[in-house]
C-alpha cells in the first residue's frame, strides 16, 4: 500500500511540474529557475531536462501519461 501511495504522490508532483511549466512558458527566466529547482530531485531531473529542451509549450499532463487530475483545470 505504501508503494501505491508513493506512485500516486509521484504522479501528483509530475502533474504539478508540467502544469507549472505550462504557466511559466512565456517567462523563460522564471521557467529556468523553476526547472533548476525541479532538477535537484533525482526523480524529476530527466523531466526538467526534457521540458527545458522543448521548443513547444508542454501538453497537458495527461498527454505525458500522468493520471492525476489534481492540478489540471
PDB file of N, CA and C in Angstrom:
ATOM      1  N   UNK A   1       0.824  -1.188   0.000  1.00  0.00           N
ATOM      2  CA  UNK A   1       0.000   0.000   0.000  1.00  0.00           C
ATOM      3  C   UNK A   1       0.871   1.256   0.000  1.00  0.00           C
ATOM      4  N   UNK A   2       1.987   1.233   0.686  1.00  0.00           N
ATOM      5  CA  UNK A   2       2.889   2.383   0.711  1.00  0.00           C
ATOM      6  C   UNK A   2       3.427   2.675  -0.685  1.00  0.00           C
ATOM      7  N   UNK A   3       3.649   1.620  -1.458  1.00  0.00           N
ATOM      8  CA  UNK A   3       4.141   1.807  -2.825  1.00  0.00           C
ATOM      9  C   UNK A   3       3.094   2.517  -3.679  1.00  0.00           C
ATOM     10  N   UNK A   4       1.828   2.145  -3.530  1.00  0.00           N
ATOM     11  CA  UNK A   4       0.746   2.802  -4.271  1.00  0.00           C
ATOM     12  C   UNK A   4       0.666   4.278  -3.909  1.00  0.00           C
ATOM     13  N   UNK A   5       0.846   4.585  -2.634  1.00  0.00           N
ATOM     14  CA  UNK A   5       0.809   5.979  -2.200  1.00  0.00           C
ATOM     15  C   UNK A   5       1.989   6.748  -2.786  1.00  0.00           C
ATOM     16  N   UNK A   6       3.168   6.125  -2.833  1.00  0.00           N
ATOM     17  CA  UNK A   6       4.354   6.782  -3.389  1.00  0.00           C
ATOM     18  C   UNK A   6       4.170   7.050  -4.880  1.00  0.00           C
ATOM     19  N   UNK A   7       3.597   6.095  -5.594  1.00  0.00           N
ATOM     20  CA  UNK A   7       3.345   6.274  -7.024  1.00  0.00           C
ATOM     21  C   UNK A   7       2.322   7.384  -7.226  1.00  0.00           C
ATOM     22  N   UNK A   8       1.268   7.392  -6.438  1.00  0.00           N
ATOM     23  CA  UNK A   8       0.248   8.432  -6.544  1.00  0.00           C
ATOM     24  C   UNK A   8       0.823   9.800  -6.252  1.00  0.00           C
ATOM     25  N   UNK A   9       1.666   9.893  -5.236  1.00  0.00           N
ATOM     26  CA  UNK A   9       2.308  11.153  -4.891  1.00  0.00           C
ATOM     27  C   UNK A   9       3.233  11.608  -6.015  1.00  0.00           C
ATOM     28  N   UNK A  10       3.956  10.671  -6.603  1.00  0.00           N
ATOM     29  CA  UNK A  10       4.838  10.978  -7.718  1.00  0.00           C
ATOM     30  C   UNK A  10       4.037  11.504  -8.909  1.00  0.00           C
ATOM     31  N   UNK A  11       2.897  10.906  -9.179  1.00  0.00           N
ATOM     32  CA  UNK A  11       2.037  11.347 -10.279  1.00  0.00           C
ATOM     33  C   UNK A  11       1.528  12.763 -10.024  1.00  0.00           C
ATOM     34  N   UNK A  12       1.165  13.056  -8.783  1.00  0.00           N
ATOM     35  CA  UNK A  12       0.689  14.395  -8.443  1.00  0.00           C
ATOM     36  C   UNK A  12       1.796  15.423  -8.648  1.00  0.00           C
ATOM     37  N   UNK A  13       2.993  15.098  -8.215  1.00  0.00           N
ATOM     38  CA  UNK A  13       4.122  16.015  -8.376  1.00  0.00           C
ATOM     39  C   UNK A  13       4.470  16.220  -9.850  1.00  0.00           C
ATOM     40  N   UNK A  14       4.446  15.147 -10.611  1.00  0.00           N
ATOM     41  CA  UNK A  14       4.731  15.238 -12.050  1.00  0.00           C
ATOM     42  C   UNK A  14       3.709  16.145 -12.728  1.00  0.00           C
ATOM     43  N   UNK A  15       2.444  15.985 -12.371  1.00  0.00           N
ATOM     44  CA  UNK A  15       1.382  16.816 -12.925  1.00  0.00           C
ATOM     45  C   UNK A  15       1.592  18.279 -12.550  1.00  0.00           C
ATOM     46  N   UNK A  16       1.967  18.526 -11.311  1.00  0.00           N
ATOM     47  CA  UNK A  16       2.217  19.890 -10.857  1.00  0.00           C
ATOM     48  C   UNK A  16       3.390  20.519 -11.598  1.00  0.00           C
ATOM     49  N   UNK A  17       4.452  19.763 -11.807  1.00  0.00           N
ATOM     50  CA  UNK A  17       5.631  20.257 -12.519  1.00  0.00           C
ATOM     51  C   UNK A  17       5.268  20.636 -13.959  1.00  0.00           C
ATOM     52  N   UNK A  18       4.548  19.768 -14.639  1.00  0.00           N
ATOM     53  CA  UNK A  18       4.176  20.033 -16.029  1.00  0.00           C
ATOM     54  C   UNK A  18       3.227  21.223 -16.111  1.00  0.00           C
ATOM     55  N   UNK A  19       2.250  21.273 -15.221  1.00  0.00           N
ATOM     56  CA  UNK A  19       1.300  22.386 -15.229  1.00  0.00           C
ATOM     57  C   UNK A  19       1.999  23.712 -14.944  1.00  0.00           C
ATOM     58  N   UNK A  20       2.933  23.711 -14.016  1.00  0.00           N
ATOM     59  CA  UNK A  20       3.671  24.930 -13.692  1.00  0.00           C
ATOM     60  C   UNK A  20       4.548  25.353 -14.865  1.00  0.00           C
ATOM     61  N   UNK A  21       5.175  24.400 -15.516  1.00  0.00           N
ATOM     62  CA  UNK A  21       5.987  24.720 -16.702  1.00  0.00           C
ATOM     63  C   UNK A  21       5.124  25.346 -17.784  1.00  0.00           C
ATOM     64  N   UNK A  22       3.893  24.862 -17.949  1.00  0.00           N
ATOM     65  CA  UNK A  22       2.977  25.455 -18.926  1.00  0.00           C
ATOM     66  C   UNK A  22       2.720  26.922 -18.601  1.00  0.00           C
ATOM     67  N   UNK A  23       2.477  27.205 -17.330  1.00  0.00           N
ATOM     68  CA  UNK A  23       2.157  28.571 -16.917  1.00  0.00           C
ATOM     69  C   UNK A  23       3.357  29.510 -17.033  1.00  0.00           C
ATOM     70  N   UNK A  24       4.552  28.999 -16.800  1.00  0.00           N
ATOM     71  CA  UNK A  24       5.756  29.825 -16.840  1.00  0.00           C
ATOM     72  C   UNK A  24       6.398  29.889 -18.225  1.00  0.00           C
ATOM     73  N   UNK A  25       5.843  29.201 -19.200  1.00  0.00           N
ATOM     74  CA  UNK A  25       6.470  29.015 -20.501  1.00  0.00           C
ATOM     75  C   UNK A  25       6.934  30.323 -21.142  1.00  0.00           C
ATOM     76  N   UNK A  26       6.139  31.361 -21.075  1.00  0.00           N
ATOM     77  CA  UNK A  26       6.487  32.620 -21.730  1.00  0.00           C
ATOM     78  C   UNK A  26       7.545  33.421 -20.975  1.00  0.00           C
ATOM     79  N   UNK A  27       7.742  33.126 -19.700  1.00  0.00           N
ATOM     80  CA  UNK A  27       8.770  33.795 -18.895  1.00  0.00           C
ATOM     81  C   UNK A  27       9.942  32.831 -18.742  1.00  0.00           C
ATOM     82  N   UNK A  28      10.835  32.838 -19.735  1.00  0.00           N
ATOM     83  CA  UNK A  28      11.928  31.853 -19.779  1.00  0.00           C
ATOM     84  C   UNK A  28      12.843  31.937 -18.562  1.00  0.00           C
ATOM     85  N   UNK A  29      13.026  33.131 -17.992  1.00  0.00           N
ATOM     86  CA  UNK A  29      13.871  33.274 -16.811  1.00  0.00           C
ATOM     87  C   UNK A  29      13.252  32.540 -15.620  1.00  0.00           C
ATOM     88  N   UNK A  30      11.964  32.782 -15.390  1.00  0.00           N
ATOM     89  CA  UNK A  30      11.259  32.111 -14.289  1.00  0.00           C
ATOM     90  C   UNK A  30      11.189  30.597 -14.532  1.00  0.00           C
ATOM     91  N   UNK A  31      10.939  30.215 -15.788  1.00  0.00           N
ATOM     92  CA  UNK A  31      10.879  28.787 -16.129  1.00  0.00           C
ATOM     93  C   UNK A  31      12.219  28.115 -15.844  1.00  0.00           C
ATOM     94  N   UNK A  32      13.309  28.757 -16.239  1.00  0.00           N
ATOM     95  CA  UNK A  32      14.635  28.195 -15.991  1.00  0.00           C
ATOM     96  C   UNK A  32      14.923  28.018 -14.507  1.00  0.00           C
ATOM     97  N   UNK A  33      14.535  29.005 -13.710  1.00  0.00           N
ATOM     98  CA  UNK A  33      14.743  28.908 -12.251  1.00  0.00           C
ATOM     99  C   UNK A  33      13.902  27.787 -11.662  1.00  0.00           C
ATOM    100  N   UNK A  34      12.653  27.682 -12.108  1.00  0.00           N
ATOM    101  CA  UNK A  34      11.781  26.619 -11.620  1.00  0.00           C
ATOM    102  C   UNK A  34      12.341  25.246 -11.973  1.00  0.00           C
ATOM    103  N   UNK A  35      12.770  25.074 -13.218  1.00  0.00           N
ATOM    104  CA  UNK A  35      13.303  23.775 -13.634  1.00  0.00           C
ATOM    105  C   UNK A  35      14.623  23.458 -12.939  1.00  0.00           C
ATOM    106  N   UNK A  36      15.394  24.467 -12.575  1.00  0.00           N
ATOM    107  CA  UNK A  36      16.625  24.233 -11.819  1.00  0.00           C
ATOM    108  C   UNK A  36      16.295  23.653 -10.447  1.00  0.00           C
ATOM    109  N   UNK A  37      15.224  24.130  -9.851  1.00  0.00           N
ATOM    110  CA  UNK A  37      14.789  23.588  -8.556  1.00  0.00           C
ATOM    111  C   UNK A  37      14.288  22.157  -8.731  1.00  0.00           C
ATOM    112  N   UNK A  38      13.492  21.928  -9.772  1.00  0.00           N
ATOM    113  CA  UNK A  38      12.966  20.587 -10.043  1.00  0.00           C
ATOM    114  C   UNK A  38      14.115  19.613 -10.286  1.00  0.00           C
ATOM    115  N   UNK A  39      15.143  20.068 -10.971  1.00  0.00           N
ATOM    116  CA  UNK A  39      16.277  19.220 -11.330  1.00  0.00           C
ATOM    117  C   UNK A  39      17.030  18.710 -10.095  1.00  0.00           C
ATOM    118  N   UNK A  40      16.892  19.364  -8.975  1.00  0.00           N
ATOM    119  CA  UNK A  40      17.572  18.927  -7.741  1.00  0.00           C
ATOM    120  C   UNK A  40      17.050  17.585  -7.249  1.00  0.00           C
ATOM    121  N   UNK A  41      15.853  17.232  -7.664  1.00  0.00           N
ATOM    122  CA  UNK A  41      15.276  15.948  -7.286  1.00  0.00           C
ATOM    123  C   UNK A  41      15.648  14.921  -8.342  1.00  0.00           C
ATOM    124  N   UNK A  42      16.327  13.878  -7.945  1.00  0.00           N
ATOM    125  CA  UNK A  42      16.767  12.857  -8.901  1.00  0.00           C
ATOM    126  C   UNK A  42      15.603  12.272  -9.691  1.00  0.00           C
ATOM    127  N   UNK A  43      14.467  12.141  -9.055  1.00  0.00           N
ATOM    128  CA  UNK A  43      13.319  11.530  -9.714  1.00  0.00           C
ATOM    129  C   UNK A  43      12.715  12.369 -10.823  1.00  0.00           C
ATOM    130  N   UNK A  44      12.957  13.677 -10.802  1.00  0.00           N
ATOM    131  CA  UNK A  44      12.340  14.550 -11.791  1.00  0.00           C
ATOM    132  C   UNK A  44      13.353  15.307 -12.638  1.00  0.00           C
ATOM    133  N   UNK A  45      14.622  15.020 -12.492  1.00  0.00           N
ATOM    134  CA  UNK A  45      15.663  15.718 -13.256  1.00  0.00           C
ATOM    135  C   UNK A  45      15.489  15.507 -14.755  1.00  0.00           C
ATOM    136  N   UNK A  46      15.187  14.288 -15.165  1.00  0.00           N
ATOM    137  CA  UNK A  46      15.011  13.993 -16.593  1.00  0.00           C
ATOM    138  C   UNK A  46      13.804  14.748 -17.158  1.00  0.00           C
ATOM    139  N   UNK A  47      12.725  14.819 -16.376  1.00  0.00           N
ATOM    140  CA  UNK A  47      11.541  15.559 -16.804  1.00  0.00           C
ATOM    141  C   UNK A  47      11.880  17.037 -16.977  1.00  0.00           C
ATOM    142  N   UNK A  48      12.622  17.601 -16.043  1.00  0.00           N
ATOM    143  CA  UNK A  48      13.032  19.010 -16.135  1.00  0.00           C
ATOM    144  C   UNK A  48      13.885  19.238 -17.381  1.00  0.00           C
ATOM    145  N   UNK A  49      14.818  18.335 -17.643  1.00  0.00           N
ATOM    146  CA  UNK A  49      15.666  18.455 -18.839  1.00  0.00           C
ATOM    147  C   UNK A  49      14.820  18.419 -20.112  1.00  0.00           C
ATOM    148  N   UNK A  50      13.872  17.509 -20.164  1.00  0.00           N
ATOM    149  CA  UNK A  50      13.010  17.368 -21.336  1.00  0.00           C
ATOM    150  C   UNK A  50      12.181  18.625 -21.553  1.00  0.00           C
ATOM    151  N   UNK A  51      11.613  19.167 -20.476  1.00  0.00           N
ATOM    152  CA  UNK A  51      10.803  20.367 -20.594  1.00  0.00           C
ATOM    153  C   UNK A  51      11.643  21.560 -21.035  1.00  0.00           C
ATOM    154  N   UNK A  52      12.848  21.667 -20.507  1.00  0.00           N
ATOM    155  CA  UNK A  52      13.701  22.800 -20.839  1.00  0.00           C
ATOM    156  C   UNK A  52      14.189  22.748 -22.286  1.00  0.00           C
ATOM    157  N   UNK A  53      14.411  21.563 -22.812  1.00  0.00           N
ATOM    158  CA  UNK A  53      14.923  21.416 -24.174  1.00  0.00           C
ATOM    159  C   UNK A  53      13.830  21.526 -25.231  1.00  0.00           C
ATOM    160  N   UNK A  54      12.587  21.476 -24.810  1.00  0.00           N
ATOM    161  CA  UNK A  54      11.474  21.525 -25.745  1.00  0.00           C
ATOM    162  C   UNK A  54      11.316  22.923 -26.335  1.00  0.00           C
ATOM    163  N   UNK A  55      10.958  22.961 -27.608  1.00  0.00           N
ATOM    164  CA  UNK A  55      10.699  24.236 -28.280  1.00  0.00           C
ATOM    165  C   UNK A  55       9.234  24.636 -28.182  1.00  0.00           C
ATOM    166  N   UNK A  56       8.394  23.710 -27.771  1.00  0.00           N
ATOM    167  CA  UNK A  56       6.954  23.965 -27.704  1.00  0.00           C
ATOM    168  C   UNK A  56       6.468  23.873 -26.264  1.00  0.00           C
ATOM    169  N   UNK A  57       5.451  24.647 -25.965  1.00  0.00           N
ATOM    170  CA  UNK A  57       4.833  24.604 -24.630  1.00  0.00           C
ATOM    171  C   UNK A  57       4.395  23.170 -24.347  1.00  0.00           C
ATOM    172  N   UNK A  58       4.611  22.692 -23.132  1.00  0.00           N
ATOM    173  CA  UNK A  58       4.229  21.319 -22.810  1.00  0.00           C
ATOM    174  C   UNK A  58       2.725  21.088 -22.948  1.00  0.00           C
ATOM    175  N   UNK A  59       2.385  19.887 -23.319  1.00  0.00           N
ATOM    176  CA  UNK A  59       0.984  19.490 -23.408  1.00  0.00           C
ATOM    177  C   UNK A  59       0.430  19.304 -22.000  1.00  0.00           C
ATOM    178  N   UNK A  60      -0.859  19.095 -21.921  1.00  0.00           N
ATOM    179  CA  UNK A  60      -1.472  18.799 -20.626  1.00  0.00           C
ATOM    180  C   UNK A  60      -0.775  17.595 -20.015  1.00  0.00           C
ATOM    181  N   UNK A  61      -0.706  17.530 -18.682  1.00  0.00           N
ATOM    182  CA  UNK A  61      -0.030  16.401 -18.035  1.00  0.00           C
ATOM    183  C   UNK A  61      -0.557  15.038 -18.475  1.00  0.00           C
ATOM    184  N   UNK A  62      -1.837  14.945 -18.799  1.00  0.00           N
ATOM    185  CA  UNK A  62      -2.395  13.661 -19.213  1.00  0.00           C
ATOM    186  C   UNK A  62      -1.760  13.165 -20.507  1.00  0.00           C
ATOM    187  N   UNK A  63      -1.253  14.084 -21.344  1.00  0.00           N
ATOM    188  CA  UNK A  63      -0.565  13.701 -22.573  1.00  0.00           C
ATOM    189  C   UNK A  63       0.695  12.901 -22.259  1.00  0.00           C
ATOM    190  N   UNK A  64       1.333  13.206 -21.134  1.00  0.00           N
ATOM    191  CA  UNK A  64       2.557  12.525 -20.732  1.00  0.00           C
ATOM    192  C   UNK A  64       2.267  11.234 -19.977  1.00  0.00           C
ATOM    193  N   UNK A  65       1.004  10.856 -19.875  1.00  0.00           N
ATOM    194  CA  UNK A  65       0.645   9.637 -19.173  1.00  0.00           C
ATOM    195  C   UNK A  65       0.424   9.829 -17.688  1.00  0.00           C
ATOM    196  N   UNK A  66       0.349  11.071 -17.248  1.00  0.00           N
ATOM    197  CA  UNK A  66       0.106  11.350 -15.837  1.00  0.00           C
ATOM    198  C   UNK A  66      -1.380  11.187 -15.586  1.00  0.00           C
ATOM    199  N   UNK A  67      -1.708  10.340 -14.643  1.00  0.00           N
ATOM    200  CA  UNK A  67      -3.110  10.045 -14.377  1.00  0.00           C
ATOM    201  C   UNK A  67      -3.763  11.073 -13.459  1.00  0.00           C
ATOM    202  N   UNK A  68      -2.981  11.775 -12.675  1.00  0.00           N
ATOM    203  CA  UNK A  68      -3.528  12.733 -11.723  1.00  0.00           C
ATOM    204  C   UNK A  68      -4.199  13.889 -12.449  1.00  0.00           C
ATOM    205  N   UNK A  69      -5.331  14.292 -11.954  1.00  0.00           N
ATOM    206  CA  UNK A  69      -6.008  15.472 -12.497  1.00  0.00           C
ATOM    207  C   UNK A  69      -6.087  16.572 -11.459  1.00  0.00           C
ATOM    208  N   UNK A  70      -5.387  16.413 -10.374  1.00  0.00           N
ATOM    209  CA  UNK A  70      -5.471  17.352  -9.251  1.00  0.00           C
ATOM    210  C   UNK A  70      -5.120  18.772  -9.650  1.00  0.00           C
ATOM    211  N   UNK A  71      -4.144  18.952 -10.537  1.00  0.00           N
ATOM    212  CA  UNK A  71      -3.670  20.275 -10.863  1.00  0.00           C
ATOM    213  C   UNK A  71      -4.107  20.746 -12.248  1.00  0.00           C
ATOM    214  N   UNK A  72      -4.991  20.008 -12.857  1.00  0.00           N
ATOM    215  CA  UNK A  72      -5.461  20.391 -14.182  1.00  0.00           C
ATOM    216  C   UNK A  72      -6.762  21.185 -14.053  1.00  0.00           C
ATOM    217  N   UNK A  73      -6.952  22.083 -14.975  1.00  0.00           N
ATOM    218  CA  UNK A  73      -8.193  22.880 -14.985  1.00  0.00           C
ATOM    219  C   UNK A  73      -9.280  22.172 -15.730  1.00  0.00           C
TER     220      UNK A  73
END
